[in-house]
Amino acid sequence: MRTTSSPTASVGAVLTAPQPAVSNRWRGLAVTALLLALLPALAAASDDQAKLIEAGSEPRKELRLHPKPGDKQTAVMTIRVAIDLNIGEMPPQAIKLPAVKITSDITVKSISAEGDIIYDLLIRNASAGDDPGATPLVVEPIKSALAAIQGLSGTGTLSSRGLSKALEIKPPAGTAPQTLQAIDEIKECLAMVVSPLPKEPVGVGARWEVTTPVKSQGMKVSQTTTYQLASLEGDRPALKSTIEQRASSQKVKNPALPGITLNLSKMAGKGAGSVTLDLAQTLPPGSSADIDTELDMAMDAGGQPQPVTMKIETHLGFEAK
């Protein structure tokens, strides 16, 4: 699966609000960690990036989405993230966010002659759960940030192979810059919910690979997702996926950390997921993924470099009815 959505930019804005300097620093780095944890959701595939590795057993068929105008689904996206953060000589920080849940309505407006799906989107609800284990510092600000995206609507276009061609979300006049940044991130995440399907006919056991460059909040990452068709019953293919993320050494300037440069030396992520598709619907009935990411970097704040390490555990879930 290419995983689900994220209010990370608005979360970043509240996490990096004025606070004592040390607290401000690790909270800004937590935002970076959140964005990295959600990179699968930002990875947009194009036709030339999907490579068939194995066609699978006979019989084979083309996998194409074919919903009907007027079809409506309600989708629930859930994000859980835990971060172990070490900065220089500071005590280690264990950061756990409350579960973030976003509920959206998707309605198919029309189907083009090429099979493209034009749909309307409404973000009906966005909330954070009352998790007693969540880091207290971030709970209420995250809840407030999520309230800013509730009620937003837009229109998108999805190809019959699950490739996003467009998604426009129109914010109300006078929307704060931090919320506009959050909307841009959410647009990317919502556009990538559906797993990309190969051009060629495939059967059970088929494998295909999607390699995508991702740039978010100043960091460039290469992500490779390998899909396997585990079963195919009528219009309901079941997929398994593995995810690998790599980033080369680079300087990262993140808006969540004004005045600070991160010198990334190592970034590696691995994960696994599953998704059940219904080709007669726009969105999959269910999908999930678990991803572990590790980063080594140096943080340069005012000419005083400090080593930083992060370990991020992410669970991403999605249901549509």
Protein backbone atom coordinates (compact mmCIF):
# COMPACT_ATOMS: atom_id res chain seq x y z
CA MET A 1 0.00 0.00 0.00
CA ARG A 2 0.95 3.60 -0.31
CA THR A 3 -0.09 4.75 3.05
CA THR A 4 -2.37 7.32 4.41
CA SER A 5 -2.78 10.94 5.33
CA SER A 6 -1.04 13.37 7.68
CA PRO A 7 -1.78 16.76 9.29
CA THR A 8 1.95 17.09 9.88
CA ALA A 9 2.49 20.64 8.69
CA SER A 10 -0.16 22.09 11.03
CA VAL A 11 1.09 19.83 13.79
CA GLY A 12 4.57 21.17 13.09
CA ALA A 13 3.35 24.72 13.47
CA VAL A 14 1.95 24.09 16.93
CA LEU A 15 4.82 21.91 18.08
CA THR A 16 7.31 24.64 17.25
CA ALA A 17 5.41 27.52 18.83
CA PRO A 18 7.51 29.68 21.20
CA GLN A 19 8.72 27.54 24.13
CA PRO A 20 11.94 27.20 26.14
CA ALA A 21 14.85 26.72 23.73
CA VAL A 22 15.65 23.09 24.51
CA SER A 23 12.02 21.98 24.38
CA ASN A 24 11.51 23.91 21.15
CA ARG A 25 14.45 22.13 19.56
CA TRP A 26 13.41 18.54 20.23
CA ARG A 27 9.80 19.26 19.35
CA GLY A 28 10.85 20.64 15.96
CA LEU A 29 12.89 17.51 15.35
CA ALA A 30 9.83 15.45 16.24
CA VAL A 31 8.04 17.14 13.35
CA THR A 32 10.83 16.03 11.02
CA ALA A 33 10.43 12.51 12.34
CA LEU A 34 6.69 12.58 11.73
CA LEU A 35 7.17 13.68 8.14
CA LEU A 36 9.68 10.89 7.55
CA ALA A 37 7.33 8.35 9.08
CA LEU A 38 4.66 9.41 6.63
CA LEU A 39 6.80 9.55 3.49
CA PRO A 40 5.01 6.51 1.96
CA ALA A 41 1.88 8.63 1.80
CA LEU A 42 3.72 11.34 -0.12
CA ALA A 43 5.20 9.07 -2.77
CA ALA A 44 3.45 9.74 -6.06
CA ALA A 45 3.96 7.08 -8.73
CA SER A 46 3.96 7.75 -12.47
CA ASP A 47 3.60 5.32 -15.34
CA ASP A 48 7.31 4.99 -16.04
CA GLN A 49 8.11 4.30 -12.36
CA ALA A 50 5.97 1.14 -12.08
CA LYS A 51 8.00 -1.88 -13.20
CA LEU A 52 6.53 -5.37 -13.54
CA ILE A 53 8.91 -7.97 -12.07
CA GLU A 54 6.83 -11.10 -12.46
CA ALA A 55 3.45 -11.54 -14.19
CA GLY A 56 2.19 -14.30 -11.90
CA SER A 57 0.30 -17.48 -12.70
CA GLU A 58 -2.50 -17.96 -15.20
CA PRO A 59 -5.23 -16.86 -15.51
CA ARG A 60 -4.13 -13.23 -15.73
CA LYS A 61 -6.20 -10.07 -16.00
CA GLU A 62 -5.77 -6.31 -16.10
CA LEU A 63 -6.47 -4.73 -12.74
CA ARG A 64 -8.48 -1.54 -13.24
CA LEU A 65 -10.69 0.51 -10.96
CA HIS A 66 -14.22 0.91 -12.33
CA PRO A 67 -16.55 2.68 -9.89
CA LYS A 68 -19.78 4.31 -11.10
CA PRO A 69 -20.84 7.97 -10.97
CA GLY A 70 -22.64 8.64 -7.72
CA ASP A 71 -20.74 6.01 -5.72
CA LYS A 72 -19.88 7.28 -2.23
CA GLN A 73 -17.43 6.00 0.36
CA THR A 74 -16.52 7.11 3.85
CA ALA A 75 -12.82 6.64 4.59
CA VAL A 76 -11.12 6.61 7.99
CA MET A 77 -7.34 7.10 8.16
CA THR A 78 -5.45 6.41 11.39
CA ILE A 79 -1.84 7.32 12.22
CA ARG A 80 0.12 6.21 15.30
CA VAL A 81 3.72 7.35 15.78
CA ALA A 82 6.29 6.78 18.53
CA ILE A 83 9.75 8.39 18.40
CA ASP A 84 12.97 7.84 20.35
CA LEU A 85 15.01 11.03 20.05
CA ASN A 86 18.58 11.73 21.21
CA ILE A 87 20.20 15.16 20.90
CA GLY A 88 23.80 15.63 22.01
CA GLU A 89 24.18 15.36 25.78
CA MET A 90 20.49 15.95 26.44
CA PRO A 91 18.51 13.16 28.13
CA PRO A 92 16.79 10.88 25.59
CA GLN A 93 13.27 11.89 24.69
CA ALA A 94 10.51 9.33 24.13
CA ILE A 95 7.77 11.03 22.15
CA LYS A 96 4.42 9.38 21.59
CA LEU A 97 1.65 11.15 19.72
CA PRO A 98 -2.02 10.46 20.27
CA ALA A 99 -3.66 8.45 17.51
CA VAL A 100 -4.68 10.82 14.72
CA LYS A 101 -7.88 9.95 12.88
CA ILE A 102 -9.22 11.67 9.75
CA THR A 103 -12.64 10.81 8.32
CA SER A 104 -13.38 11.81 4.71
CA ASP A 105 -16.27 11.36 2.28
CA ILE A 106 -15.45 10.54 -1.35
CA THR A 107 -18.17 10.83 -4.03
CA VAL A 108 -17.59 9.90 -7.68
CA LYS A 109 -18.77 12.74 -9.93
CA SER A 110 -18.04 11.23 -13.32
CA ILE A 111 -15.89 8.79 -15.31
CA SER A 112 -13.97 10.02 -18.35
CA ALA A 113 -13.75 8.18 -21.67
CA GLU A 114 -10.23 7.07 -20.63
CA GLY A 115 -11.55 5.64 -17.37
CA ASP A 116 -10.33 8.49 -15.14
CA ILE A 117 -12.33 8.90 -11.94
CA ILE A 118 -13.36 12.46 -11.06
CA TYR A 119 -14.44 12.73 -7.43
CA ASP A 120 -15.45 15.16 -4.70
CA LEU A 121 -13.74 15.07 -1.30
CA LEU A 122 -14.95 16.31 2.09
CA ILE A 123 -12.83 16.08 5.26
CA ARG A 124 -15.70 15.45 7.64
CA ASN A 125 -13.77 15.00 10.86
CA ALA A 126 -10.17 15.25 12.08
CA SER A 127 -9.33 14.38 15.66
CA ALA A 128 -6.71 13.04 18.07
CA GLY A 129 -7.61 10.32 20.54
CA ASP A 130 -7.33 10.58 24.32
CA ASP A 131 -4.33 8.31 24.66
CA PRO A 132 -3.06 8.20 28.27
CA GLY A 133 0.41 7.24 27.01
CA ALA A 134 0.76 10.24 24.68
CA THR A 135 3.35 12.93 25.43
CA PRO A 136 1.30 15.60 27.28
CA LEU A 137 3.10 18.54 25.68
CA VAL A 138 1.72 17.78 22.23
CA VAL A 139 -1.82 16.48 22.83
CA GLU A 140 -3.90 19.65 23.06
CA PRO A 141 -1.97 21.59 20.38
CA ILE A 142 -2.42 18.68 17.96
CA LYS A 143 -6.15 18.58 18.64
CA SER A 144 -6.38 22.30 17.90
CA ALA A 145 -4.35 21.94 14.71
CA LEU A 146 -6.58 19.13 13.44
CA ALA A 147 -9.64 21.31 13.95
CA ALA A 148 -8.25 23.68 11.29
CA ILE A 149 -8.58 21.09 8.51
CA GLN A 150 -12.02 19.81 9.47
CA GLY A 151 -14.68 20.71 6.90
CA LEU A 152 -12.28 21.32 4.01
CA SER A 153 -13.46 20.09 0.60
CA GLY A 154 -12.00 19.59 -2.86
CA THR A 155 -12.08 17.77 -6.20
CA GLY A 156 -9.65 15.17 -7.54
CA THR A 157 -8.91 12.91 -10.51
CA LEU A 158 -7.64 9.34 -10.22
CA SER A 159 -6.69 7.06 -13.11
CA SER A 160 -8.17 3.58 -13.35
CA ARG A 161 -4.74 2.27 -12.31
CA GLY A 162 -4.82 4.21 -9.05
CA LEU A 163 -2.47 7.01 -10.13
CA SER A 164 -3.44 10.44 -8.83
CA LYS A 165 -3.67 13.03 -11.62
CA ALA A 166 -5.01 15.98 -9.63
CA LEU A 167 -6.38 17.00 -6.26
CA GLU A 168 -7.45 20.51 -5.37
CA ILE A 169 -8.52 21.52 -1.86
CA LYS A 170 -9.75 25.09 -1.53
CA PRO A 171 -9.07 26.71 1.84
CA PRO A 172 -11.30 29.57 3.02
CA ALA A 173 -10.11 33.15 2.55
CA GLY A 174 -7.72 34.33 5.23
CA THR A 175 -6.41 30.87 6.09
CA ALA A 176 -3.23 31.03 8.18
CA PRO A 177 0.05 30.17 6.38
CA GLN A 178 0.64 27.19 8.70
CA THR A 179 -2.75 25.76 7.76
CA LEU A 180 -2.05 26.30 4.06
CA GLN A 181 1.15 24.28 4.48
CA ALA A 182 -0.84 21.56 6.24
CA ILE A 183 -3.35 21.48 3.38
CA ASP A 184 -0.53 20.96 0.85
CA GLU A 185 0.74 17.97 2.83
CA ILE A 186 -2.77 16.55 3.22
CA LYS A 187 -3.44 16.91 -0.51
CA GLU A 188 -0.41 14.78 -1.27
CA CYS A 189 -1.34 12.16 1.31
CA LEU A 190 -4.98 11.86 0.28
CA ALA A 191 -3.98 11.63 -3.37
CA MET A 192 -1.83 8.58 -2.70
CA VAL A 193 -4.23 6.33 -0.80
CA VAL A 194 -4.78 3.84 -3.65
CA SER A 195 -1.95 1.41 -4.48
CA PRO A 196 -0.72 1.78 -8.10
CA LEU A 197 -1.64 -1.08 -10.41
CA PRO A 198 0.54 -2.40 -13.26
CA LYS A 199 -0.23 -1.80 -16.93
CA GLU A 200 0.13 -5.48 -17.81
CA PRO A 201 -2.32 -8.33 -17.07
CA VAL A 202 -1.29 -10.15 -13.89
CA GLY A 203 -2.17 -13.29 -11.93
CA VAL A 204 -1.67 -14.56 -8.40
CA GLY A 205 1.98 -14.28 -7.40
CA ALA A 206 2.63 -11.26 -9.65
CA ARG A 207 5.12 -8.70 -8.36
CA TRP A 208 5.70 -5.11 -9.39
CA GLU A 209 7.94 -2.36 -8.07
CA VAL A 210 7.38 1.37 -7.72
CA THR A 211 10.39 3.62 -7.07
CA THR A 212 9.59 7.22 -6.28
CA PRO A 213 11.62 10.27 -5.23
CA VAL A 214 10.05 12.13 -2.34
CA LYS A 215 10.83 15.65 -1.12
CA SER A 216 9.15 16.87 2.02
CA GLN A 217 10.14 19.63 4.43
CA GLY A 218 13.56 19.97 2.79
CA MET A 219 14.59 16.30 2.76
CA LYS A 220 15.07 14.20 -0.38
CA VAL A 221 14.33 10.49 0.00
CA SER A 222 14.11 7.60 -2.45
CA GLN A 223 11.37 5.10 -1.70
CA THR A 224 10.86 1.68 -3.29
CA THR A 225 7.65 -0.25 -2.72
CA THR A 226 7.33 -3.83 -3.98
CA TYR A 227 3.84 -5.25 -4.35
CA GLN A 228 2.79 -8.88 -4.61
CA LEU A 229 -0.64 -10.10 -5.67
CA ALA A 230 -1.43 -12.53 -2.86
CA SER A 231 -4.90 -13.51 -4.06
CA LEU A 232 -7.50 -12.51 -6.64
CA GLU A 233 -11.18 -13.30 -6.22
CA GLY A 234 -13.32 -11.54 -8.79
CA ASP A 235 -12.88 -7.79 -8.31
CA ARG A 236 -11.10 -8.11 -4.96
CA PRO A 237 -7.31 -8.43 -5.28
CA ALA A 238 -5.32 -8.68 -2.06
CA LEU A 239 -1.81 -7.21 -2.07
CA LYS A 240 1.21 -7.53 0.18
CA SER A 241 3.89 -4.86 0.10
CA THR A 242 7.38 -4.15 1.36
CA ILE A 243 8.75 -0.62 1.69
CA GLU A 244 12.36 0.59 1.68
CA GLN A 245 13.47 4.19 2.17
CA ARG A 246 16.96 5.59 1.64
CA ALA A 247 18.47 9.06 1.74
CA SER A 248 22.00 10.12 0.89
CA SER A 249 24.05 12.60 2.91
CA GLN A 250 22.53 16.06 2.57
CA LYS A 251 21.86 19.36 4.28
CA VAL A 252 18.25 19.77 5.34
CA LYS A 253 16.59 23.09 6.05
CA ASN A 254 13.20 22.41 7.60
CA PRO A 255 10.57 25.16 8.07
CA ALA A 256 9.71 23.52 11.39
CA LEU A 257 13.25 24.36 12.61
CA PRO A 258 13.94 28.01 11.70
CA GLY A 259 17.61 28.96 11.99
CA ILE A 260 18.74 25.33 12.25
CA THR A 261 20.44 23.20 9.59
CA LEU A 262 20.36 19.42 9.78
CA ASN A 263 23.27 17.56 8.21
CA LEU A 264 21.88 14.12 7.42
CA SER A 265 24.46 11.34 7.30
CA LYS A 266 22.20 8.28 7.25
CA MET A 267 18.52 7.54 6.81
CA ALA A 268 17.04 4.07 6.31
CA GLY A 269 13.50 2.80 6.64
CA LYS A 270 11.84 -0.58 6.20
CA GLY A 271 8.26 -1.63 6.44
CA ALA A 272 5.57 -4.04 5.36
CA GLY A 273 1.91 -3.62 4.55
CA SER A 274 -1.21 -5.18 3.13
CA VAL A 275 -4.19 -3.87 1.19
CA THR A 276 -7.46 -5.35 0.00
CA LEU A 277 -8.86 -3.66 -3.09
CA ASP A 278 -12.37 -3.61 -4.49
CA LEU A 279 -11.98 -2.68 -8.15
CA ALA A 280 -15.63 -1.57 -8.24
CA GLN A 281 -14.82 1.16 -5.68
CA THR A 282 -12.50 4.16 -5.73
CA LEU A 283 -10.81 3.46 -2.38
CA PRO A 284 -9.63 0.16 -0.85
CA PRO A 285 -11.87 -1.36 1.85
CA GLY A 286 -8.83 -1.80 4.09
CA SER A 287 -5.07 -1.39 4.27
CA SER A 288 -2.34 -1.11 6.87
CA ALA A 289 1.43 -0.71 7.15
CA ASP A 290 4.08 -0.74 9.86
CA ILE A 291 7.33 1.14 9.22
CA ASP A 292 10.55 1.54 11.23
CA THR A 293 12.90 4.39 10.35
CA GLU A 294 16.34 5.33 11.68
CA LEU A 295 18.23 8.58 11.14
CA ASP A 296 21.68 9.86 12.05
CA MET A 297 22.39 13.56 11.61
CA ALA A 298 24.05 16.60 13.10
CA MET A 299 22.07 19.67 14.09
CA ASP A 300 23.80 23.00 13.59
CA ALA A 301 22.23 25.72 15.73
CA GLY A 302 24.24 28.94 15.84
CA GLY A 303 27.52 27.24 14.93
CA GLN A 304 27.22 24.59 17.63
CA PRO A 305 26.76 21.18 15.95
CA GLN A 306 25.15 18.44 18.00
CA PRO A 307 24.65 14.78 17.02
CA VAL A 308 21.04 13.68 16.63
CA THR A 309 19.64 10.18 16.28
CA MET A 310 16.01 9.19 15.76
CA LYS A 311 14.16 5.90 15.76
CA ILE A 312 10.60 6.12 14.53
CA GLU A 313 7.89 3.48 14.73
CA THR A 314 4.81 4.16 12.64
CA HIS A 315 1.52 2.36 12.16
CA LEU A 316 -0.71 3.56 9.32
CA GLY A 317 -4.23 2.26 8.80
CA PHE A 318 -7.07 2.90 6.37
CA GLU A 319 -10.67 1.72 6.05
CA ALA A 320 -13.34 2.70 3.52
CA LYS A 321 -17.00 1.74 3.38
